[in-house]
Amino acid sequence: MKRTLLALSLGLLAVAGARADAPAPSVERGRYLIAVAGCNDCHTPRFAQLGAAIPESERFTGMAVGFSGPWGVSYPGNLRLRAAAVGEDEWLARVRAGGRPPMPWNALQAMTEADQRSVFRYLRALGPAGAPTPAALPPGAPIPTPHFVFVPQAPTAVGLAPGRP
């Protein structure tokens, strides 16, 4: 009887200690997280112009438009091919390792493990599509693709309106 009560007590403590607001990993949760995190902005071609009009079946295939800065050039990867090529634990290791700017790695790393797994499961559920994106380039390498330049510019003179200090 004491063993049963002890087991029951430990079980209740474990359930009580679990966060009620921490959802289990799921494809639906991943769909939501990817939407609110803005992943489409860089990883879905033409998303900036067309937004949600792009069918889900065409999203997250990466872009061959680079982002250049002091780190070299990085490209928004094809997340669907990446998720199809690795297991969930390898995905988590990659997320935790971080990478090149301007990817907001800190936002992805701040997610709970359950949320990171949800993102992976959503991408995996979409299935592989598209082509690999170009490999990152080191600083100073020729850039064979269109690219955005992420280099701070000096301020320009701004004329103040009359009467403004």
N, C-alpha and C. Protein backbone atom coordinates (compact mmCIF):
# COMPACT_ATOMS: atom_id res chain seq x y z
N MET A 1 0.82 -1.19 0.00
CA MET A 1 0.00 0.00 0.00
C MET A 1 0.87 1.27 0.00
N LYS A 2 1.95 1.24 0.84
CA LYS A 2 2.84 2.40 0.91
C LYS A 2 3.50 2.65 -0.44
N ARG A 3 3.90 1.56 -1.13
CA ARG A 3 4.53 1.70 -2.45
C ARG A 3 3.56 2.33 -3.44
N THR A 4 2.32 1.91 -3.41
CA THR A 4 1.32 2.45 -4.32
C THR A 4 1.12 3.94 -4.06
N LEU A 5 1.01 4.31 -2.78
CA LEU A 5 0.85 5.73 -2.44
C LEU A 5 2.08 6.54 -2.85
N LEU A 6 3.27 5.98 -2.65
CA LEU A 6 4.49 6.67 -3.04
C LEU A 6 4.53 6.86 -4.55
N ALA A 7 4.22 5.83 -5.29
CA ALA A 7 4.22 5.92 -6.76
C ALA A 7 3.19 6.94 -7.23
N LEU A 8 2.00 6.91 -6.64
CA LEU A 8 0.95 7.84 -7.00
C LEU A 8 1.38 9.27 -6.67
N SER A 9 1.98 9.48 -5.51
CA SER A 9 2.44 10.81 -5.11
C SER A 9 3.51 11.33 -6.06
N LEU A 10 4.46 10.47 -6.40
CA LEU A 10 5.51 10.89 -7.33
C LEU A 10 4.94 11.21 -8.70
N GLY A 11 3.99 10.42 -9.14
CA GLY A 11 3.34 10.68 -10.43
C GLY A 11 2.61 12.01 -10.43
N LEU A 12 1.90 12.31 -9.35
CA LEU A 12 1.19 13.59 -9.25
C LEU A 12 2.16 14.76 -9.19
N LEU A 13 3.26 14.59 -8.49
CA LEU A 13 4.27 15.65 -8.45
C LEU A 13 4.86 15.90 -9.84
N ALA A 14 5.10 14.86 -10.58
CA ALA A 14 5.65 15.01 -11.94
C ALA A 14 4.67 15.75 -12.82
N VAL A 15 3.40 15.40 -12.73
CA VAL A 15 2.38 16.08 -13.54
C VAL A 15 2.25 17.53 -13.10
N ALA A 16 2.25 17.78 -11.80
CA ALA A 16 2.12 19.15 -11.30
C ALA A 16 3.33 19.99 -11.69
N GLY A 17 4.51 19.36 -11.76
CA GLY A 17 5.72 20.09 -12.12
C GLY A 17 5.81 20.42 -13.59
N ALA A 18 5.07 19.70 -14.43
CA ALA A 18 5.10 19.99 -15.86
C ALA A 18 4.36 21.30 -16.11
N ARG A 19 4.87 22.09 -17.01
CA ARG A 19 4.22 23.35 -17.33
C ARG A 19 2.96 23.09 -18.11
N ALA A 20 1.86 23.58 -17.61
CA ALA A 20 0.57 23.39 -18.29
C ALA A 20 0.54 24.16 -19.59
N ASP A 21 1.31 25.24 -19.70
CA ASP A 21 1.28 26.06 -20.91
C ASP A 21 2.33 25.64 -21.94
N ALA A 22 3.06 24.58 -21.71
CA ALA A 22 4.08 24.11 -22.65
C ALA A 22 3.49 23.01 -23.52
N PRO A 23 3.06 23.36 -24.73
CA PRO A 23 2.46 22.34 -25.59
C PRO A 23 3.49 21.32 -26.06
N ALA A 24 3.02 20.12 -26.30
CA ALA A 24 3.87 19.07 -26.84
C ALA A 24 4.22 19.41 -28.28
N PRO A 25 5.36 18.91 -28.76
CA PRO A 25 5.73 19.19 -30.16
C PRO A 25 4.64 18.71 -31.12
N SER A 26 4.34 19.55 -32.11
CA SER A 26 3.34 19.16 -33.10
C SER A 26 3.56 19.94 -34.39
N VAL A 27 3.06 19.38 -35.48
CA VAL A 27 3.14 20.04 -36.78
C VAL A 27 2.38 21.36 -36.74
N GLU A 28 1.19 21.38 -36.14
CA GLU A 28 0.40 22.61 -36.07
C GLU A 28 1.11 23.70 -35.29
N ARG A 29 1.74 23.32 -34.19
CA ARG A 29 2.49 24.30 -33.40
C ARG A 29 3.66 24.84 -34.23
N GLY A 30 4.33 23.98 -34.98
CA GLY A 30 5.42 24.42 -35.84
C GLY A 30 4.95 25.39 -36.91
N ARG A 31 3.79 25.12 -37.50
CA ARG A 31 3.22 26.02 -38.51
C ARG A 31 3.00 27.41 -37.89
N TYR A 32 2.45 27.43 -36.70
CA TYR A 32 2.20 28.69 -36.01
C TYR A 32 3.51 29.42 -35.70
N LEU A 33 4.48 28.72 -35.13
CA LEU A 33 5.74 29.34 -34.74
C LEU A 33 6.48 29.92 -35.94
N ILE A 34 6.49 29.19 -37.02
CA ILE A 34 7.19 29.65 -38.22
C ILE A 34 6.52 30.90 -38.79
N ALA A 35 5.20 30.96 -38.66
CA ALA A 35 4.47 32.14 -39.14
C ALA A 35 4.78 33.37 -38.29
N VAL A 36 4.71 33.23 -36.98
CA VAL A 36 4.93 34.40 -36.12
C VAL A 36 6.39 34.79 -36.03
N ALA A 37 7.29 33.87 -36.29
CA ALA A 37 8.73 34.18 -36.25
C ALA A 37 9.21 34.86 -37.53
N GLY A 38 8.38 34.89 -38.56
CA GLY A 38 8.77 35.56 -39.79
C GLY A 38 9.72 34.78 -40.67
N CYS A 39 9.75 33.46 -40.53
CA CYS A 39 10.69 32.64 -41.30
C CYS A 39 10.46 32.75 -42.80
N ASN A 40 9.20 32.94 -43.19
CA ASN A 40 8.89 33.09 -44.61
C ASN A 40 9.59 34.29 -45.23
N ASP A 41 9.80 35.34 -44.43
CA ASP A 41 10.35 36.58 -44.97
C ASP A 41 11.62 36.35 -45.79
N CYS A 42 12.49 35.49 -45.32
CA CYS A 42 13.74 35.22 -46.04
C CYS A 42 13.76 33.87 -46.72
N HIS A 43 13.11 32.87 -46.14
CA HIS A 43 13.23 31.50 -46.65
C HIS A 43 12.19 31.13 -47.71
N THR A 44 11.27 32.06 -48.04
CA THR A 44 10.27 31.80 -49.07
C THR A 44 10.41 32.85 -50.17
N PRO A 45 10.80 32.44 -51.38
CA PRO A 45 10.92 33.40 -52.48
C PRO A 45 9.61 34.15 -52.71
N ARG A 46 9.73 35.43 -52.95
CA ARG A 46 8.63 36.35 -53.28
C ARG A 46 7.66 36.60 -52.12
N PHE A 47 7.99 36.14 -50.92
CA PHE A 47 7.06 36.33 -49.80
C PHE A 47 6.90 37.80 -49.45
N ALA A 48 7.97 38.58 -49.57
CA ALA A 48 7.88 40.01 -49.26
C ALA A 48 6.87 40.70 -50.18
N GLN A 49 6.76 40.25 -51.41
CA GLN A 49 5.84 40.86 -52.36
C GLN A 49 4.42 40.29 -52.27
N LEU A 50 4.30 38.98 -52.06
CA LEU A 50 3.00 38.32 -52.16
C LEU A 50 2.42 37.84 -50.84
N GLY A 51 3.25 37.70 -49.82
CA GLY A 51 2.76 37.27 -48.51
C GLY A 51 2.03 35.94 -48.54
N ALA A 52 0.95 35.88 -47.83
CA ALA A 52 0.19 34.64 -47.66
C ALA A 52 -0.42 34.11 -48.96
N ALA A 53 -0.36 34.88 -50.03
CA ALA A 53 -0.87 34.40 -51.32
C ALA A 53 -0.02 33.25 -51.86
N ILE A 54 1.21 33.12 -51.38
CA ILE A 54 2.06 32.02 -51.81
C ILE A 54 1.56 30.75 -51.13
N PRO A 55 1.21 29.74 -51.91
CA PRO A 55 0.71 28.50 -51.30
C PRO A 55 1.75 27.89 -50.36
N GLU A 56 1.26 27.27 -49.30
CA GLU A 56 2.13 26.63 -48.32
C GLU A 56 3.04 25.61 -49.00
N SER A 57 2.57 24.98 -50.03
CA SER A 57 3.35 23.96 -50.74
C SER A 57 4.58 24.53 -51.43
N GLU A 58 4.65 25.85 -51.58
CA GLU A 58 5.78 26.50 -52.25
C GLU A 58 6.71 27.24 -51.28
N ARG A 59 6.46 27.12 -50.01
CA ARG A 59 7.23 27.90 -49.03
C ARG A 59 8.48 27.17 -48.52
N PHE A 60 9.39 27.96 -47.99
CA PHE A 60 10.60 27.49 -47.29
C PHE A 60 11.60 26.76 -48.18
N THR A 61 11.66 27.17 -49.45
CA THR A 61 12.62 26.55 -50.38
C THR A 61 13.91 27.36 -50.50
N GLY A 62 14.05 28.41 -49.68
CA GLY A 62 15.28 29.19 -49.69
C GLY A 62 15.36 30.16 -50.85
N MET A 63 16.42 30.97 -50.86
CA MET A 63 16.62 31.94 -51.94
C MET A 63 18.09 32.03 -52.31
N ALA A 64 18.33 32.32 -53.56
CA ALA A 64 19.70 32.52 -54.05
C ALA A 64 20.05 34.01 -54.04
N VAL A 65 19.40 34.75 -53.15
CA VAL A 65 19.74 36.15 -52.92
C VAL A 65 20.50 36.18 -51.60
N GLY A 66 21.73 36.67 -51.66
CA GLY A 66 22.58 36.63 -50.47
C GLY A 66 22.45 37.85 -49.59
N PHE A 67 22.98 37.71 -48.40
CA PHE A 67 23.08 38.81 -47.45
C PHE A 67 24.56 38.97 -47.17
N SER A 68 25.15 40.08 -47.61
CA SER A 68 26.60 40.25 -47.44
C SER A 68 26.91 41.27 -46.36
N GLY A 69 28.00 40.99 -45.66
CA GLY A 69 28.46 41.86 -44.60
C GLY A 69 29.85 41.42 -44.18
N PRO A 70 30.32 41.88 -43.05
CA PRO A 70 31.66 41.53 -42.60
C PRO A 70 31.88 40.02 -42.44
N TRP A 71 30.82 39.24 -42.29
CA TRP A 71 30.92 37.78 -42.14
C TRP A 71 31.08 37.06 -43.47
N GLY A 72 30.93 37.79 -44.58
CA GLY A 72 30.92 37.19 -45.91
C GLY A 72 29.53 37.29 -46.49
N VAL A 73 29.07 36.21 -47.10
CA VAL A 73 27.72 36.19 -47.68
C VAL A 73 27.00 34.95 -47.18
N SER A 74 25.80 35.15 -46.69
CA SER A 74 24.97 34.02 -46.27
C SER A 74 23.71 34.01 -47.11
N TYR A 75 23.13 32.84 -47.26
CA TYR A 75 21.92 32.66 -48.06
C TYR A 75 20.84 32.01 -47.21
N PRO A 76 19.59 32.46 -47.38
CA PRO A 76 18.48 31.80 -46.67
C PRO A 76 18.33 30.39 -47.20
N GLY A 77 18.63 29.41 -46.38
CA GLY A 77 18.65 28.02 -46.81
C GLY A 77 17.29 27.45 -47.15
N ASN A 78 17.32 26.35 -47.89
CA ASN A 78 16.12 25.59 -48.20
C ASN A 78 15.82 24.74 -46.97
N LEU A 79 14.90 25.21 -46.15
CA LEU A 79 14.59 24.53 -44.89
C LEU A 79 13.91 23.18 -45.11
N ARG A 80 13.21 23.04 -46.22
CA ARG A 80 12.53 21.77 -46.49
C ARG A 80 13.53 20.67 -46.83
N LEU A 81 14.53 21.01 -47.63
CA LEU A 81 15.55 20.01 -47.94
C LEU A 81 16.37 19.68 -46.71
N ARG A 82 16.66 20.69 -45.90
CA ARG A 82 17.45 20.45 -44.69
C ARG A 82 16.71 19.53 -43.73
N ALA A 83 15.43 19.81 -43.50
CA ALA A 83 14.64 18.98 -42.58
C ALA A 83 14.48 17.56 -43.11
N ALA A 84 14.43 17.41 -44.42
CA ALA A 84 14.29 16.08 -45.01
C ALA A 84 15.59 15.28 -44.92
N ALA A 85 16.72 15.98 -44.82
CA ALA A 85 18.02 15.32 -44.86
C ALA A 85 18.58 14.94 -43.50
N VAL A 86 17.99 15.46 -42.42
CA VAL A 86 18.54 15.21 -41.09
C VAL A 86 17.46 14.68 -40.15
N GLY A 87 17.90 14.10 -39.07
CA GLY A 87 16.98 13.67 -38.04
C GLY A 87 16.68 14.81 -37.09
N GLU A 88 15.71 14.61 -36.23
CA GLU A 88 15.27 15.65 -35.31
C GLU A 88 16.38 16.09 -34.36
N ASP A 89 17.15 15.15 -33.84
CA ASP A 89 18.22 15.52 -32.92
C ASP A 89 19.33 16.31 -33.63
N GLU A 90 19.63 15.95 -34.87
CA GLU A 90 20.63 16.70 -35.63
C GLU A 90 20.13 18.12 -35.90
N TRP A 91 18.84 18.24 -36.19
CA TRP A 91 18.23 19.56 -36.39
C TRP A 91 18.41 20.42 -35.14
N LEU A 92 18.12 19.83 -33.97
CA LEU A 92 18.26 20.57 -32.72
C LEU A 92 19.71 21.01 -32.49
N ALA A 93 20.65 20.14 -32.79
CA ALA A 93 22.06 20.49 -32.62
C ALA A 93 22.43 21.66 -33.53
N ARG A 94 21.93 21.66 -34.75
CA ARG A 94 22.22 22.75 -35.69
C ARG A 94 21.62 24.06 -35.21
N VAL A 95 20.40 24.01 -34.74
CA VAL A 95 19.73 25.20 -34.22
C VAL A 95 20.52 25.78 -33.04
N ARG A 96 20.96 24.92 -32.17
CA ARG A 96 21.67 25.36 -30.97
C ARG A 96 23.06 25.91 -31.29
N ALA A 97 23.65 25.46 -32.40
CA ALA A 97 24.99 25.91 -32.77
C ALA A 97 24.98 27.33 -33.33
N GLY A 98 23.87 27.77 -33.88
CA GLY A 98 23.81 29.10 -34.48
C GLY A 98 24.48 29.12 -35.84
N GLY A 99 24.70 30.30 -36.35
CA GLY A 99 25.28 30.43 -37.68
C GLY A 99 25.54 31.88 -38.02
N ARG A 100 25.44 32.17 -39.29
CA ARG A 100 25.79 33.50 -39.81
C ARG A 100 24.62 34.47 -39.75
N PRO A 101 24.94 35.76 -39.66
CA PRO A 101 23.91 36.78 -39.78
C PRO A 101 23.36 36.78 -41.21
N PRO A 102 22.25 37.39 -41.46
CA PRO A 102 21.38 38.08 -40.52
C PRO A 102 20.31 37.17 -39.91
N MET A 103 20.46 35.86 -40.05
CA MET A 103 19.50 34.93 -39.46
C MET A 103 19.39 35.21 -37.96
N PRO A 104 18.17 35.41 -37.47
CA PRO A 104 17.99 35.68 -36.03
C PRO A 104 18.07 34.40 -35.20
N TRP A 105 19.26 33.82 -35.15
CA TRP A 105 19.47 32.56 -34.44
C TRP A 105 19.01 32.65 -32.98
N ASN A 106 19.22 33.81 -32.38
CA ASN A 106 18.85 33.94 -30.97
C ASN A 106 17.36 33.71 -30.75
N ALA A 107 16.53 34.10 -31.69
CA ALA A 107 15.08 33.88 -31.56
C ALA A 107 14.76 32.39 -31.60
N LEU A 108 15.38 31.68 -32.52
CA LEU A 108 15.16 30.24 -32.63
C LEU A 108 15.72 29.51 -31.40
N GLN A 109 16.87 29.95 -30.93
CA GLN A 109 17.48 29.33 -29.76
C GLN A 109 16.70 29.61 -28.48
N ALA A 110 15.95 30.71 -28.45
CA ALA A 110 15.17 31.05 -27.26
C ALA A 110 13.91 30.21 -27.14
N MET A 111 13.53 29.53 -28.21
CA MET A 111 12.35 28.66 -28.15
C MET A 111 12.61 27.48 -27.23
N THR A 112 11.56 26.94 -26.68
CA THR A 112 11.70 25.72 -25.89
C THR A 112 12.10 24.59 -26.82
N GLU A 113 12.62 23.54 -26.26
CA GLU A 113 12.97 22.37 -27.09
C GLU A 113 11.72 21.83 -27.78
N ALA A 114 10.60 21.83 -27.09
CA ALA A 114 9.35 21.35 -27.71
C ALA A 114 8.98 22.21 -28.91
N ASP A 115 9.19 23.52 -28.81
CA ASP A 115 8.89 24.40 -29.94
C ASP A 115 9.87 24.19 -31.09
N GLN A 116 11.14 24.01 -30.77
CA GLN A 116 12.13 23.72 -31.82
C GLN A 116 11.77 22.42 -32.53
N ARG A 117 11.36 21.43 -31.79
CA ARG A 117 10.95 20.16 -32.39
C ARG A 117 9.70 20.34 -33.24
N SER A 118 8.80 21.21 -32.82
CA SER A 118 7.59 21.49 -33.59
C SER A 118 7.94 22.12 -34.94
N VAL A 119 8.88 23.05 -34.94
CA VAL A 119 9.32 23.68 -36.19
C VAL A 119 9.87 22.60 -37.12
N PHE A 120 10.72 21.75 -36.59
CA PHE A 120 11.27 20.67 -37.41
C PHE A 120 10.16 19.78 -37.97
N ARG A 121 9.23 19.38 -37.14
CA ARG A 121 8.16 18.47 -37.57
C ARG A 121 7.28 19.11 -38.64
N TYR A 122 7.04 20.40 -38.52
CA TYR A 122 6.28 21.10 -39.56
C TYR A 122 7.03 21.08 -40.88
N LEU A 123 8.31 21.46 -40.85
CA LEU A 123 9.10 21.48 -42.08
C LEU A 123 9.20 20.08 -42.69
N ARG A 124 9.39 19.09 -41.85
CA ARG A 124 9.48 17.70 -42.32
C ARG A 124 8.16 17.27 -42.96
N ALA A 125 7.02 17.70 -42.36
CA ALA A 125 5.71 17.33 -42.89
C ALA A 125 5.46 17.96 -44.26
N LEU A 126 6.06 19.10 -44.54
CA LEU A 126 5.89 19.72 -45.86
C LEU A 126 6.54 18.88 -46.95
N GLY A 127 7.58 18.16 -46.61
CA GLY A 127 8.29 17.34 -47.58
C GLY A 127 9.34 18.12 -48.34
N PRO A 128 10.29 17.41 -48.94
CA PRO A 128 11.35 18.09 -49.69
C PRO A 128 10.78 18.76 -50.94
N ALA A 129 11.34 19.91 -51.27
CA ALA A 129 10.95 20.65 -52.47
C ALA A 129 12.04 21.66 -52.78
N GLY A 130 12.13 22.04 -54.04
CA GLY A 130 13.08 23.06 -54.43
C GLY A 130 14.48 22.53 -54.60
N ALA A 131 15.41 23.47 -54.78
CA ALA A 131 16.81 23.15 -55.01
C ALA A 131 17.65 23.70 -53.85
N PRO A 132 18.83 23.14 -53.67
CA PRO A 132 19.72 23.69 -52.62
C PRO A 132 20.06 25.14 -52.93
N THR A 133 20.29 25.92 -51.90
CA THR A 133 20.70 27.30 -52.09
C THR A 133 22.22 27.36 -52.14
N PRO A 134 22.78 28.47 -52.63
CA PRO A 134 24.24 28.56 -52.68
C PRO A 134 24.87 28.43 -51.30
N ALA A 135 26.09 27.95 -51.28
CA ALA A 135 26.85 27.85 -50.03
C ALA A 135 27.29 29.25 -49.60
N ALA A 136 27.44 29.43 -48.31
CA ALA A 136 27.94 30.70 -47.78
C ALA A 136 29.32 31.00 -48.35
N LEU A 137 29.63 32.28 -48.44
CA LEU A 137 30.92 32.72 -48.97
C LEU A 137 31.71 33.44 -47.89
N PRO A 138 33.01 33.29 -47.89
CA PRO A 138 33.83 33.99 -46.90
C PRO A 138 33.96 35.48 -47.27
N PRO A 139 34.38 36.30 -46.31
CA PRO A 139 34.60 37.72 -46.60
C PRO A 139 35.57 37.91 -47.76
N GLY A 140 35.25 38.84 -48.65
CA GLY A 140 36.12 39.17 -49.77
C GLY A 140 35.95 38.30 -51.00
N ALA A 141 35.20 37.23 -50.92
CA ALA A 141 35.00 36.36 -52.08
C ALA A 141 34.08 37.04 -53.09
N PRO A 142 34.29 36.77 -54.39
CA PRO A 142 33.36 37.30 -55.39
C PRO A 142 31.95 36.78 -55.11
N ILE A 143 30.95 37.61 -55.34
CA ILE A 143 29.56 37.24 -55.07
C ILE A 143 28.84 37.07 -56.41
N PRO A 144 28.53 35.82 -56.78
CA PRO A 144 27.95 35.57 -58.10
C PRO A 144 26.43 35.70 -58.16
N THR A 145 25.80 36.14 -57.10
CA THR A 145 24.34 36.25 -57.05
C THR A 145 23.93 37.66 -56.62
N PRO A 146 22.67 38.00 -56.85
CA PRO A 146 22.20 39.26 -56.25
C PRO A 146 22.35 39.16 -54.74
N HIS A 147 22.55 40.31 -54.08
CA HIS A 147 22.71 40.27 -52.62
C HIS A 147 22.37 41.62 -52.00
N PHE A 148 21.95 41.55 -50.77
CA PHE A 148 21.72 42.73 -49.95
C PHE A 148 23.01 42.99 -49.19
N VAL A 149 23.36 44.27 -49.04
CA VAL A 149 24.57 44.62 -48.33
C VAL A 149 24.19 45.10 -46.93
N PHE A 150 24.71 44.42 -45.92
CA PHE A 150 24.46 44.75 -44.52
C PHE A 150 25.71 45.40 -43.94
N VAL A 151 25.97 46.61 -44.36
CA VAL A 151 27.12 47.36 -43.87
C VAL A 151 26.61 48.73 -43.43
N PRO A 152 26.87 49.11 -42.20
CA PRO A 152 26.41 50.42 -41.74
C PRO A 152 26.94 51.53 -42.63
N GLN A 153 26.12 52.51 -42.88
CA GLN A 153 26.49 53.66 -43.69
C GLN A 153 26.63 54.88 -42.79
N ALA A 154 27.48 55.80 -43.19
CA ALA A 154 27.64 57.04 -42.43
C ALA A 154 26.33 57.83 -42.50
N PRO A 155 26.02 58.59 -41.46
CA PRO A 155 24.80 59.39 -41.50
C PRO A 155 24.88 60.45 -42.59
N THR A 156 23.75 60.83 -43.07
CA THR A 156 23.68 61.91 -44.06
C THR A 156 23.15 63.14 -43.35
N ALA A 157 23.47 64.29 -43.91
CA ALA A 157 22.99 65.56 -43.33
C ALA A 157 21.48 65.62 -43.51
N VAL A 158 20.82 66.04 -42.47
CA VAL A 158 19.38 66.17 -42.51
C VAL A 158 19.03 67.62 -42.25
N GLY A 159 18.30 68.21 -43.17
CA GLY A 159 17.88 69.60 -42.96
C GLY A 159 16.72 69.65 -42.00
N LEU A 160 16.79 70.54 -41.03
CA LEU A 160 15.71 70.69 -40.08
C LEU A 160 14.72 71.71 -40.59
N ALA A 161 13.47 71.52 -40.27
CA ALA A 161 12.43 72.48 -40.66
C ALA A 161 12.67 73.79 -39.93
N PRO A 162 12.34 74.89 -40.57
CA PRO A 162 12.51 76.20 -39.91
C PRO A 162 11.80 76.20 -38.57
N GLY A 163 12.46 76.79 -37.59
CA GLY A 163 11.88 76.92 -36.26
C GLY A 163 12.08 75.71 -35.37
N ARG A 164 12.67 74.65 -35.90
CA ARG A 164 12.92 73.45 -35.07
C ARG A 164 14.33 73.50 -34.54
N PRO A 165 14.51 73.18 -33.28
CA PRO A 165 15.88 73.22 -32.72
C PRO A 165 16.75 72.10 -33.23
